Amino acid sequence: MGDPRGFLKIGRKPVPKRPVSERVRDYRWVYRPMPGEELREQASRCMDCGVPFCNAGCPVNNLIPDWNDLAYRDRWREAIERLHRTNNFPEFTGILCPAPCEAACVLSINDSPVTIKEIERSIIERAFEEGWVVPEPPPPERRTGKRVAVVGSGPAGLAAAQQLNRAGHTVVVFEKDDRIGGLLRYGIPDYKMEKWVIDRRLRQLEEEGVEFRTSAHVGYDPTLEEVRGEFDAIVLAVGALQGRDLKVPGRELGGIHLAMEYLVQQNRRVAGLPVEGEEITARGKHVIILGGGDTSADCLGNAHREGCASVRVLTHGPRPPESPDPMEWPDWPFVLHTYPAHEEGGERRWNVAVAGFSGSNGRVERMHCVRTERTPEGRTVPVAGSEFEMRADLVLLAIGFTGPVRDRLLEELDLGYAPNGAIASREGFATKEPGVFVAGDARRGASLIVWAIAEGRKAARQADEYLMGESLLPG
């Protein structure tokens, strides 16, 4: 424990942000680094609990008290060694993870939790600055001669690829898009994570021996038969990007899109890349975003930066409480989440359901709504006589995902699906097809980035056991 009385003397300090007036004019990262001395003070708040619930709350089981103490003591080289033992990409989680570890922090019972996420991010950034993050290719004598195909280059696929490569296998990552990164590349806005963060880590993986093949949609080009002929095992990390749609009158009108259709285009525009299909833009439009989660907030921040005329975020359920119920600790609480995008403007409304859309000349102009209420049984039902309309030039559906996109690859594999639409797995990360494994959102359904990394690591271990009969990779 860095300072036995740190949590009594020092309160939680939020990570500094750039002013709203400045950040809405660009797509650079919203936050500013926390000064070093303040970071050490925040690390000193860690109590080194007898039972560190933060470890269990973290899906990759990060050794959080260890590296909190090391950061406090300025032993940064040891801190990154501890951090990399459990997490391949702490810069991704330190920027994007909603930090279930902080919800599980013992301090959160009656105080504000330790700023675990910012300490994690600061450790890995210090490591990159000092040159401590270096390629770790296996020596030639450890190469097994086995070849593994990883389908999908999001965090689950990249974690699996790095682990399997370090185990000595030859790993090729297939990505259907023109650049590596999956949802990190074309789903997450730059103001949440600038893309050089991905590219920096990809250079390390390439130098370690991982091969990347872009514009390679497995099942089409290459075919499943070709992949099976070239590789000894396959890890499916294809995500869960099939957006949930609405079946209401007027859904066919132009100007109504799944959120990912908009986010992909916007990320490509910011990167200076061409977009395909009908252009989706919020500039000068009255925008309505349906849904209240991360994807909704991503759409909101982009709409602000594009210069929309107005923007509303609507949720069909009731407004969550501002503070968590103490009885929910150490689990992830049901609470109102306010993202930086919400600070930048727009209106948030709850208890609103969609009855349909109308417009003219094939374009949406109005959304027809009804107010809702929550019954004692937990059902959300419309309130009679509460119908109303809203102006809408662009409607973005950010109401969740129903599982992986069921393309030719999944049709040919015919692995079956879980009730939530995810690919069916057995005995952990295996499937009914020998040598085919599944990880991340494809197996869990849409979830957190930290879960994707954890699943990629575990699937890699299971694939390694399949190939070699045993594995020295961490579980």
Protein backbone atom coordinates (compact mmCIF):
# COMPACT_ATOMS: atom_id res chain seq x y z
CA MET A 1 0.00 0.00 0.00
CA GLY A 2 1.52 3.28 -1.11
CA ASP A 3 0.04 5.49 1.63
CA PRO A 4 -2.05 3.78 4.33
CA ARG A 5 -4.04 7.00 4.84
CA GLY A 6 -4.15 8.13 1.22
CA PHE A 7 -7.84 7.34 0.74
CA LEU A 8 -8.66 9.36 3.90
CA LYS A 9 -6.63 12.44 2.96
CA ILE A 10 -7.19 12.66 -0.80
CA GLY A 11 -10.44 12.71 -2.76
CA ARG A 12 -11.00 11.42 -6.25
CA LYS A 13 -10.03 13.91 -8.91
CA PRO A 14 -11.57 13.59 -12.38
CA VAL A 15 -9.42 13.38 -15.48
CA PRO A 16 -9.16 16.90 -16.98
CA LYS A 17 -11.02 17.54 -20.24
CA ARG A 18 -10.53 20.08 -22.97
CA PRO A 19 -13.15 22.87 -22.98
CA VAL A 20 -16.34 22.07 -24.88
CA SER A 21 -15.95 25.18 -27.05
CA GLU A 22 -12.57 23.88 -28.22
CA ARG A 23 -13.16 20.17 -28.63
CA VAL A 24 -16.36 20.33 -30.69
CA ARG A 25 -14.35 22.02 -33.44
CA ASP A 26 -12.08 19.03 -34.00
CA TYR A 27 -11.85 15.25 -33.65
CA ARG A 28 -8.89 15.07 -31.30
CA TRP A 29 -9.07 13.26 -27.97
CA VAL A 30 -11.42 14.89 -25.46
CA TYR A 31 -9.20 14.45 -22.39
CA ARG A 32 -5.97 15.95 -21.17
CA PRO A 33 -3.29 13.93 -19.35
CA MET A 34 -3.39 14.08 -15.58
CA PRO A 35 -0.23 15.74 -14.15
CA GLY A 36 2.25 13.26 -12.71
CA GLU A 37 2.06 14.34 -9.06
CA GLU A 38 -1.74 14.33 -9.12
CA LEU A 39 -1.64 10.85 -10.63
CA ARG A 40 0.60 9.61 -7.81
CA GLU A 41 -1.81 11.08 -5.27
CA GLN A 42 -4.71 9.30 -6.94
CA ALA A 43 -2.78 6.02 -6.90
CA SER A 44 -2.17 6.48 -3.18
CA ARG A 45 -5.94 6.22 -2.58
CA CYS A 46 -5.77 2.48 -3.33
CA MET A 47 -6.26 0.71 0.01
CA ASP A 48 -4.69 -2.63 -1.03
CA CYS A 49 -7.82 -4.35 0.27
CA GLY A 50 -7.57 -7.80 1.82
CA VAL A 51 -9.92 -8.94 -0.95
CA PRO A 52 -9.32 -6.63 -3.96
CA PHE A 53 -12.72 -6.73 -5.65
CA CYS A 54 -11.31 -4.55 -8.45
CA ASN A 55 -9.37 -7.60 -9.68
CA ALA A 56 -12.55 -9.65 -9.92
CA GLY A 57 -14.50 -6.76 -11.43
CA CYS A 58 -11.92 -6.54 -14.24
CA PRO A 59 -12.60 -9.16 -16.94
CA VAL A 60 -8.87 -9.56 -17.66
CA ASN A 61 -8.17 -9.78 -13.91
CA ASN A 62 -5.66 -6.94 -13.94
CA LEU A 63 -3.33 -6.86 -10.91
CA ILE A 64 -4.67 -3.43 -10.01
CA PRO A 65 -3.39 -2.92 -6.45
CA ASP A 66 0.09 -3.99 -7.60
CA TRP A 67 0.45 -1.40 -10.30
CA ASN A 68 -1.35 1.31 -8.32
CA ASP A 69 1.35 0.94 -5.66
CA LEU A 70 4.15 0.86 -8.24
CA ALA A 71 2.83 4.03 -9.92
CA TYR A 72 2.71 5.76 -6.55
CA ARG A 73 6.34 4.78 -5.93
CA ASP A 74 7.49 5.94 -9.41
CA ARG A 75 8.42 2.37 -10.35
CA TRP A 76 6.87 2.65 -13.80
CA ARG A 77 8.93 -0.06 -15.50
CA GLU A 78 7.68 -2.64 -13.00
CA ALA A 79 4.15 -1.25 -13.30
CA ILE A 80 3.97 -1.91 -17.05
CA GLU A 81 5.38 -5.40 -16.56
CA ARG A 82 2.53 -6.16 -14.14
CA LEU A 83 -0.01 -4.58 -16.48
CA HIS A 84 1.11 -6.50 -19.56
CA ARG A 85 0.89 -9.80 -17.70
CA THR A 86 -2.89 -9.70 -17.97
CA ASN A 87 -3.71 -7.16 -20.68
CA ASN A 88 -2.25 -7.08 -24.20
CA PHE A 89 -3.55 -3.59 -24.95
CA PRO A 90 -3.93 -1.45 -21.81
CA GLU A 91 -3.98 1.69 -23.93
CA PHE A 92 -7.27 0.52 -25.50
CA THR A 93 -8.90 -0.25 -22.16
CA GLY A 94 -7.35 2.77 -20.45
CA ILE A 95 -9.06 4.97 -23.01
CA LEU A 96 -12.29 3.13 -23.88
CA CYS A 97 -13.25 0.75 -21.08
CA PRO A 98 -16.14 1.96 -18.84
CA ALA A 99 -14.11 0.60 -15.90
CA PRO A 100 -16.15 -2.10 -14.14
CA CYS A 101 -13.08 -2.32 -11.88
CA GLU A 102 -13.93 1.11 -10.49
CA ALA A 103 -17.52 0.09 -9.80
CA ALA A 104 -16.08 -2.90 -7.87
CA CYS A 105 -13.56 -0.77 -5.92
CA VAL A 106 -14.16 -1.06 -2.17
CA LEU A 107 -13.98 2.72 -1.88
CA SER A 108 -17.10 2.99 -4.06
CA ILE A 109 -19.22 1.59 -1.22
CA ASN A 110 -19.26 4.95 0.54
CA ASP A 111 -16.89 7.19 -1.45
CA SER A 112 -15.64 7.75 -4.99
CA PRO A 113 -13.51 4.89 -6.36
CA VAL A 114 -9.83 5.01 -7.24
CA THR A 115 -9.12 6.43 -10.72
CA ILE A 116 -7.96 3.00 -11.91
CA LYS A 117 -8.64 3.64 -15.58
CA GLU A 118 -6.50 6.79 -15.79
CA ILE A 119 -3.65 5.17 -13.84
CA GLU A 120 -3.72 2.26 -16.29
CA ARG A 121 -3.62 4.60 -19.28
CA SER A 122 -0.80 6.64 -17.78
CA ILE A 123 1.33 3.54 -17.13
CA ILE A 124 1.15 2.36 -20.74
CA GLU A 125 1.74 5.85 -22.15
CA ARG A 126 4.80 6.22 -19.94
CA ALA A 127 5.99 2.83 -21.17
CA PHE A 128 5.67 3.86 -24.83
CA GLU A 129 7.45 7.17 -24.13
CA GLU A 130 10.34 5.39 -22.42
CA GLY A 131 10.66 2.76 -25.16
CA TRP A 132 9.71 -0.13 -22.89
CA VAL A 133 7.08 -1.52 -25.26
CA VAL A 134 9.10 -3.58 -27.71
CA PRO A 135 8.32 -6.49 -30.05
CA GLU A 136 8.55 -9.91 -28.41
CA PRO A 137 8.72 -12.39 -31.30
CA PRO A 138 9.24 -16.02 -30.37
CA PRO A 139 12.71 -17.31 -31.26
CA PRO A 140 12.87 -19.41 -34.44
CA GLU A 141 13.38 -22.63 -32.50
CA ARG A 142 10.03 -22.11 -30.77
CA ARG A 143 8.09 -21.92 -34.02
CA THR A 144 5.67 -24.85 -34.07
CA GLY A 145 4.95 -25.09 -37.78
CA LYS A 146 1.23 -24.68 -37.04
CA ARG A 147 -0.79 -22.00 -38.82
CA VAL A 148 -3.78 -20.17 -37.33
CA ALA A 149 -6.27 -17.91 -39.11
CA VAL A 150 -7.86 -15.17 -37.01
CA VAL A 151 -10.98 -13.77 -38.69
CA GLY A 152 -11.60 -10.22 -37.54
CA SER A 153 -9.13 -7.57 -36.36
CA GLY A 154 -10.95 -5.97 -33.45
CA PRO A 155 -9.58 -6.21 -29.89
CA ALA A 156 -10.56 -9.90 -29.49
CA GLY A 157 -8.89 -10.89 -32.76
CA LEU A 158 -5.75 -8.86 -32.08
CA ALA A 159 -5.38 -10.27 -28.56
CA ALA A 160 -5.82 -13.83 -29.83
CA ALA A 161 -3.33 -13.19 -32.65
CA GLN A 162 -0.64 -11.82 -30.36
CA GLN A 163 -1.00 -14.66 -27.86
CA LEU A 164 -0.97 -17.40 -30.50
CA ASN A 165 2.00 -15.84 -32.26
CA ARG A 166 3.94 -15.69 -28.99
CA ALA A 167 3.11 -19.37 -28.47
CA GLY A 168 5.07 -20.02 -31.66
CA HIS A 169 2.32 -20.46 -34.23
CA THR A 170 2.20 -18.62 -37.55
CA VAL A 171 -0.79 -16.28 -37.35
CA VAL A 172 -2.62 -14.49 -40.14
CA VAL A 173 -5.37 -11.97 -39.32
CA PHE A 174 -8.07 -11.53 -41.97
CA GLU A 175 -10.02 -8.25 -42.06
CA LYS A 176 -12.85 -7.61 -44.52
CA ASP A 177 -12.33 -3.82 -44.36
CA ASP A 178 -9.46 -1.96 -45.97
CA ARG A 179 -7.69 -1.24 -42.67
CA ILE A 180 -6.98 -3.22 -39.51
CA GLY A 181 -8.77 -2.47 -36.26
CA GLY A 182 -12.38 -3.58 -36.61
CA LEU A 183 -14.74 -1.55 -34.44
CA LEU A 184 -11.77 0.38 -33.02
CA ARG A 185 -11.00 1.66 -36.52
CA TYR A 186 -14.38 2.43 -38.03
CA GLY A 187 -16.78 2.39 -35.07
CA ILE A 188 -15.08 4.39 -32.32
CA PRO A 189 -14.86 8.14 -33.10
CA ASP A 190 -11.45 9.77 -33.11
CA TYR A 191 -12.42 12.11 -30.27
CA LYS A 192 -12.73 8.98 -28.09
CA MET A 193 -9.57 7.32 -29.40
CA GLU A 194 -7.31 8.71 -32.10
CA LYS A 195 -6.30 6.10 -34.63
CA TRP A 196 -2.55 6.46 -34.16
CA VAL A 197 -3.12 4.59 -30.91
CA ILE A 198 -4.15 1.53 -32.94
CA ASP A 199 -1.39 1.93 -35.53
CA ARG A 200 1.29 2.14 -32.84
CA ARG A 201 0.30 -1.26 -31.46
CA LEU A 202 -0.15 -2.82 -34.90
CA ARG A 203 3.47 -2.04 -35.71
CA GLN A 204 4.51 -4.08 -32.69
CA LEU A 205 2.38 -7.06 -33.74
CA GLU A 206 3.77 -6.95 -37.27
CA GLU A 207 7.35 -6.87 -35.97
CA GLU A 208 6.51 -9.86 -33.78
CA GLY A 209 5.51 -11.79 -36.89
CA VAL A 210 1.73 -11.44 -37.12
CA GLU A 211 0.56 -11.10 -40.74
CA PHE A 212 -2.41 -8.90 -41.64
CA ARG A 213 -4.52 -9.32 -44.75
CA THR A 214 -6.99 -6.51 -45.40
CA SER A 215 -9.94 -6.44 -47.81
CA ALA A 216 -10.13 -10.19 -47.19
CA HIS A 217 -13.74 -11.17 -46.49
CA VAL A 218 -13.45 -14.80 -45.43
CA GLY A 219 -16.20 -16.87 -46.99
CA TYR A 220 -16.03 -14.85 -50.21
CA ASP A 221 -12.37 -14.05 -50.91
CA PRO A 222 -10.77 -16.16 -49.57
CA THR A 223 -13.35 -18.91 -49.40
CA LEU A 224 -13.82 -21.04 -46.30
CA GLU A 225 -12.42 -24.00 -48.21
CA GLU A 226 -9.25 -22.06 -49.02
CA VAL A 227 -8.77 -21.01 -45.40
CA ARG A 228 -9.30 -24.53 -44.12
CA GLY A 229 -6.75 -25.79 -46.61
CA GLU A 230 -4.10 -23.31 -45.46
CA PHE A 231 -4.58 -23.28 -41.69
CA ASP A 232 -4.65 -25.76 -38.82
CA ALA A 233 -7.07 -23.75 -36.67
CA ILE A 234 -9.45 -20.81 -37.04
CA VAL A 235 -10.41 -18.21 -34.43
CA LEU A 236 -13.60 -16.30 -35.22
CA ALA A 237 -13.53 -12.77 -33.80
CA VAL A 238 -16.05 -11.25 -36.19
CA GLY A 239 -17.85 -9.07 -33.66
CA ALA A 240 -21.59 -8.57 -33.24
CA LEU A 241 -22.32 -5.75 -35.66
CA GLN A 242 -25.82 -6.68 -36.81
CA GLY A 243 -27.76 -3.66 -35.60
CA ARG A 244 -31.22 -4.01 -34.07
CA ASP A 245 -33.81 -2.44 -36.34
CA LEU A 246 -37.32 -1.05 -35.91
CA LYS A 247 -40.43 -2.48 -37.53
CA VAL A 248 -42.70 0.56 -37.60
CA PRO A 249 -44.57 2.39 -40.37
CA GLY A 250 -42.32 4.64 -42.41
CA ARG A 251 -39.09 2.83 -41.60
CA GLU A 252 -38.35 2.58 -45.32
CA LEU A 253 -38.04 6.38 -45.72
CA GLY A 254 -34.69 7.87 -46.55
CA GLY A 255 -32.74 9.45 -43.72
CA ILE A 256 -33.29 6.59 -41.25
CA HIS A 257 -30.13 4.57 -40.66
CA LEU A 258 -28.56 2.08 -38.32
CA ALA A 259 -26.03 3.87 -36.15
CA MET A 260 -23.05 1.91 -37.47
CA GLU A 261 -23.81 2.96 -41.03
CA TYR A 262 -23.33 6.57 -39.93
CA LEU A 263 -20.33 5.96 -37.66
CA VAL A 264 -18.38 4.02 -40.29
CA GLN A 265 -18.88 6.78 -42.84
CA GLN A 266 -17.93 9.48 -40.36
CA ASN A 267 -14.77 7.68 -39.28
CA ARG A 268 -13.75 7.27 -42.90
CA ARG A 269 -14.37 10.96 -43.59
CA VAL A 270 -12.25 11.99 -40.60
CA ALA A 271 -9.48 9.69 -41.87
CA GLY A 272 -9.69 11.28 -45.32
CA LEU A 273 -11.00 8.07 -46.92
CA PRO A 274 -13.82 7.75 -49.45
CA VAL A 275 -17.24 6.57 -48.28
CA GLU A 276 -19.45 4.07 -50.06
CA GLY A 277 -23.17 4.27 -50.78
CA GLU A 278 -25.57 7.07 -49.87
CA GLU A 279 -23.81 9.78 -47.89
CA ILE A 280 -25.08 10.08 -44.31
CA THR A 281 -24.37 13.43 -42.70
CA ALA A 282 -25.78 15.38 -39.76
CA ARG A 283 -24.62 18.76 -41.03
CA GLY A 284 -27.43 21.33 -40.81
CA LYS A 285 -30.03 18.65 -39.94
CA HIS A 286 -32.44 18.05 -37.09
CA VAL A 287 -31.12 14.75 -35.76
CA ILE A 288 -32.82 12.18 -33.54
CA ILE A 289 -30.79 9.37 -31.99
CA LEU A 290 -32.69 6.41 -30.57
CA GLY A 291 -30.97 4.59 -27.72
CA GLY A 292 -29.02 5.68 -24.67
CA GLY A 293 -25.79 3.65 -24.66
CA ASP A 294 -22.23 4.05 -25.92
CA THR A 295 -23.17 3.89 -29.59
CA SER A 296 -25.78 6.60 -29.09
CA ALA A 297 -23.21 8.85 -27.43
CA ASP A 298 -20.78 8.24 -30.31
CA CYS A 299 -23.43 9.41 -32.78
CA LEU A 300 -24.17 12.43 -30.59
CA GLY A 301 -20.56 13.60 -30.48
CA ASN A 302 -20.20 13.25 -34.24
CA ALA A 303 -23.43 15.15 -34.86
CA HIS A 304 -22.12 18.06 -32.76
CA ARG A 305 -18.85 18.13 -34.65
CA GLU A 306 -20.57 18.00 -38.03
CA GLY A 307 -22.67 21.05 -37.14
CA CYS A 308 -26.20 19.66 -36.85
CA ALA A 309 -29.12 22.08 -36.45
CA SER A 310 -30.39 20.21 -33.38
CA VAL A 311 -30.02 16.78 -31.81
CA ARG A 312 -32.18 14.76 -29.43
CA VAL A 313 -31.34 11.45 -27.74
CA LEU A 314 -34.42 9.39 -26.91
CA THR A 315 -34.72 6.28 -24.75
CA HIS A 316 -37.88 4.19 -24.38
CA GLY A 317 -37.26 3.32 -20.71
CA PRO A 318 -37.19 5.51 -17.59
CA ARG A 319 -34.32 7.73 -16.57
CA PRO A 320 -31.76 5.71 -14.55
CA PRO A 321 -30.84 6.91 -11.05
CA GLU A 322 -27.96 9.35 -10.63
CA SER A 323 -26.30 7.26 -7.89
CA PRO A 324 -25.87 3.48 -7.70
CA ASP A 325 -27.76 1.37 -5.23
CA PRO A 326 -25.21 0.31 -2.55
CA MET A 327 -26.66 -3.20 -2.71
CA GLU A 328 -25.44 -3.49 -6.32
CA TRP A 329 -21.76 -3.38 -5.29
CA PRO A 330 -19.44 -4.90 -6.49
CA ASP A 331 -21.42 -5.60 -9.67
CA TRP A 332 -21.85 -3.12 -12.51
CA PRO A 333 -24.61 -0.76 -11.29
CA PHE A 334 -27.71 0.44 -13.12
CA VAL A 335 -27.02 4.16 -13.13
CA LEU A 336 -27.25 7.16 -15.47
CA HIS A 337 -24.06 7.37 -17.54
CA THR A 338 -23.11 10.85 -18.75
CA TYR A 339 -20.47 10.87 -21.48
CA PRO A 340 -18.42 13.87 -22.64
CA ALA A 341 -20.68 14.06 -25.72
CA HIS A 342 -23.66 14.81 -23.48
CA GLU A 343 -21.81 17.81 -22.03
CA GLU A 344 -21.48 19.26 -25.52
CA GLY A 345 -25.17 19.89 -26.11
CA GLY A 346 -28.33 18.22 -27.30
CA GLU A 347 -31.42 17.09 -25.46
CA ARG A 348 -31.88 13.79 -23.64
CA ARG A 349 -35.37 12.40 -23.07
CA TRP A 350 -36.60 9.21 -21.48
CA ASN A 351 -39.90 7.29 -21.60
CA VAL A 352 -40.33 7.89 -25.34
CA ALA A 353 -41.25 5.13 -27.82
CA VAL A 354 -41.45 5.33 -31.61
CA ALA A 355 -44.81 4.69 -33.31
CA GLY A 356 -43.65 5.46 -36.86
CA PHE A 357 -42.19 7.94 -39.32
CA SER A 358 -43.63 10.12 -42.06
CA GLY A 359 -42.30 12.49 -44.69
CA SER A 360 -42.43 13.44 -48.35
CA ASN A 361 -40.46 12.71 -51.52
CA GLY A 362 -39.20 9.53 -49.93
CA ARG A 363 -37.43 11.32 -47.06
CA VAL A 364 -38.24 11.32 -43.36
CA GLU A 365 -39.53 14.60 -41.93
CA ARG A 366 -41.38 13.62 -38.74
CA MET A 367 -41.15 10.97 -36.07
CA HIS A 368 -44.38 9.91 -34.38
CA CYS A 369 -43.89 9.16 -30.72
CA VAL A 370 -45.76 8.05 -27.62
CA ARG A 371 -44.78 8.42 -24.00
CA THR A 372 -44.17 5.28 -21.99
CA GLU A 373 -44.23 4.17 -18.38
CA ARG A 374 -42.72 1.26 -16.48
CA THR A 375 -45.18 -1.14 -14.84
CA PRO A 376 -44.56 -2.76 -11.41
CA GLU A 377 -43.74 -5.96 -13.32
CA GLY A 378 -40.93 -4.17 -15.17
CA ARG A 379 -42.65 -3.86 -18.56
CA THR A 380 -42.48 -0.65 -20.58
CA VAL A 381 -45.92 0.23 -21.94
CA PRO A 382 -47.32 3.22 -23.89
CA VAL A 383 -49.40 5.85 -22.11
CA ALA A 384 -52.82 6.24 -23.74
CA GLY A 385 -53.42 9.63 -25.33
CA SER A 386 -49.77 10.74 -25.05
CA GLU A 387 -48.96 10.75 -28.77
CA PHE A 388 -46.81 13.57 -30.17
CA GLU A 389 -44.49 14.35 -33.10
CA MET A 390 -40.92 15.52 -33.54
CA ARG A 391 -39.17 17.02 -36.53
CA ALA A 392 -36.56 14.66 -37.94
CA ASP A 393 -34.27 15.07 -40.94
CA LEU A 394 -31.92 12.27 -39.83
CA VAL A 395 -32.77 9.37 -37.52
CA LEU A 396 -30.01 7.10 -36.17
CA LEU A 397 -30.94 3.76 -34.62
CA ALA A 398 -28.56 3.00 -31.75
CA ILE A 399 -30.81 0.50 -30.00
CA GLY A 400 -28.41 -2.39 -29.69
CA PHE A 401 -27.07 -5.32 -31.69
CA THR A 402 -28.49 -8.76 -32.41
CA GLY A 403 -25.24 -10.68 -32.93
CA PRO A 404 -22.73 -11.28 -35.73
CA VAL A 405 -23.64 -10.46 -39.31
CA ARG A 406 -24.72 -13.81 -40.75
CA ASP A 407 -22.69 -13.79 -43.92
CA ARG A 408 -21.56 -16.65 -46.15
CA LEU A 409 -18.80 -17.70 -43.74
CA LEU A 410 -21.21 -18.29 -40.86
CA GLU A 411 -23.77 -19.90 -43.15
CA GLU A 412 -21.21 -22.42 -44.41
CA LEU A 413 -19.81 -23.15 -40.95
CA ASP A 414 -23.35 -23.61 -39.56
CA LEU A 415 -22.17 -23.47 -35.94
CA GLY A 416 -25.56 -22.57 -34.47
CA TYR A 417 -26.49 -19.57 -32.37
CA ALA A 418 -27.13 -18.80 -28.72
CA PRO A 419 -30.45 -17.20 -27.64
CA ASN A 420 -28.86 -13.72 -27.81
CA GLY A 421 -27.80 -14.27 -31.44
CA ALA A 422 -24.13 -14.94 -30.66
CA ILE A 423 -22.26 -17.87 -32.21
CA ALA A 424 -22.80 -21.03 -30.16
CA SER A 425 -19.71 -22.26 -28.30
CA ARG A 426 -18.97 -25.30 -26.18
CA GLU A 427 -16.42 -26.13 -23.51
CA GLY A 428 -15.34 -22.52 -23.37
CA PHE A 429 -14.38 -21.12 -26.76
CA ALA A 430 -14.58 -24.18 -28.99
CA THR A 431 -17.41 -24.81 -31.45
CA LYS A 432 -18.94 -27.95 -32.84
CA GLU A 433 -16.38 -27.78 -35.68
CA PRO A 434 -12.99 -29.17 -34.57
CA GLY A 435 -10.29 -26.54 -34.76
CA VAL A 436 -12.75 -23.62 -34.99
CA PHE A 437 -12.91 -21.30 -31.99
CA VAL A 438 -14.90 -18.14 -31.27
CA ALA A 439 -14.16 -15.14 -29.06
CA GLY A 440 -15.32 -11.65 -28.14
CA ASP A 441 -18.64 -10.12 -29.13
CA ALA A 442 -19.16 -12.94 -31.64
CA ARG A 443 -19.42 -15.34 -28.69
CA ARG A 444 -20.80 -13.06 -25.93
CA GLY A 445 -22.94 -10.65 -27.88
CA ALA A 446 -22.13 -6.93 -27.95
CA SER A 447 -20.06 -6.19 -24.85
CA LEU A 448 -17.10 -4.26 -23.47
CA ILE A 449 -13.65 -3.92 -25.03
CA VAL A 450 -12.07 -5.42 -21.93
CA TRP A 451 -14.23 -8.53 -22.32
CA ALA A 452 -13.11 -8.79 -25.95
CA ILE A 453 -9.44 -8.77 -24.94
CA ALA A 454 -10.08 -11.29 -22.16
CA GLU A 455 -11.93 -13.61 -24.54
CA GLY A 456 -9.26 -13.32 -27.22
CA ARG A 457 -6.62 -14.39 -24.70
CA LYS A 458 -8.65 -17.34 -23.43
CA ALA A 459 -9.61 -18.51 -26.92
CA ALA A 460 -5.92 -18.38 -27.88
CA ARG A 461 -5.04 -20.66 -24.99
CA GLN A 462 -7.73 -23.14 -25.96
CA ALA A 463 -6.64 -23.10 -29.61
CA ASP A 464 -3.04 -23.62 -28.49
CA GLU A 465 -4.10 -26.65 -26.41
CA TYR A 466 -5.94 -28.03 -29.44
CA LEU A 467 -2.86 -27.66 -31.63
CA MET A 468 -0.20 -28.81 -29.17
CA GLY A 469 -1.98 -30.89 -26.53
CA GLU A 470 -1.05 -28.39 -23.82
CA SER A 471 -0.51 -24.64 -23.46
CA LEU A 472 1.76 -22.37 -21.48
CA LEU A 473 -0.34 -19.32 -22.33
CA PRO A 474 -2.13 -17.71 -19.36
CA GLY A 475 -5.78 -18.67 -18.96
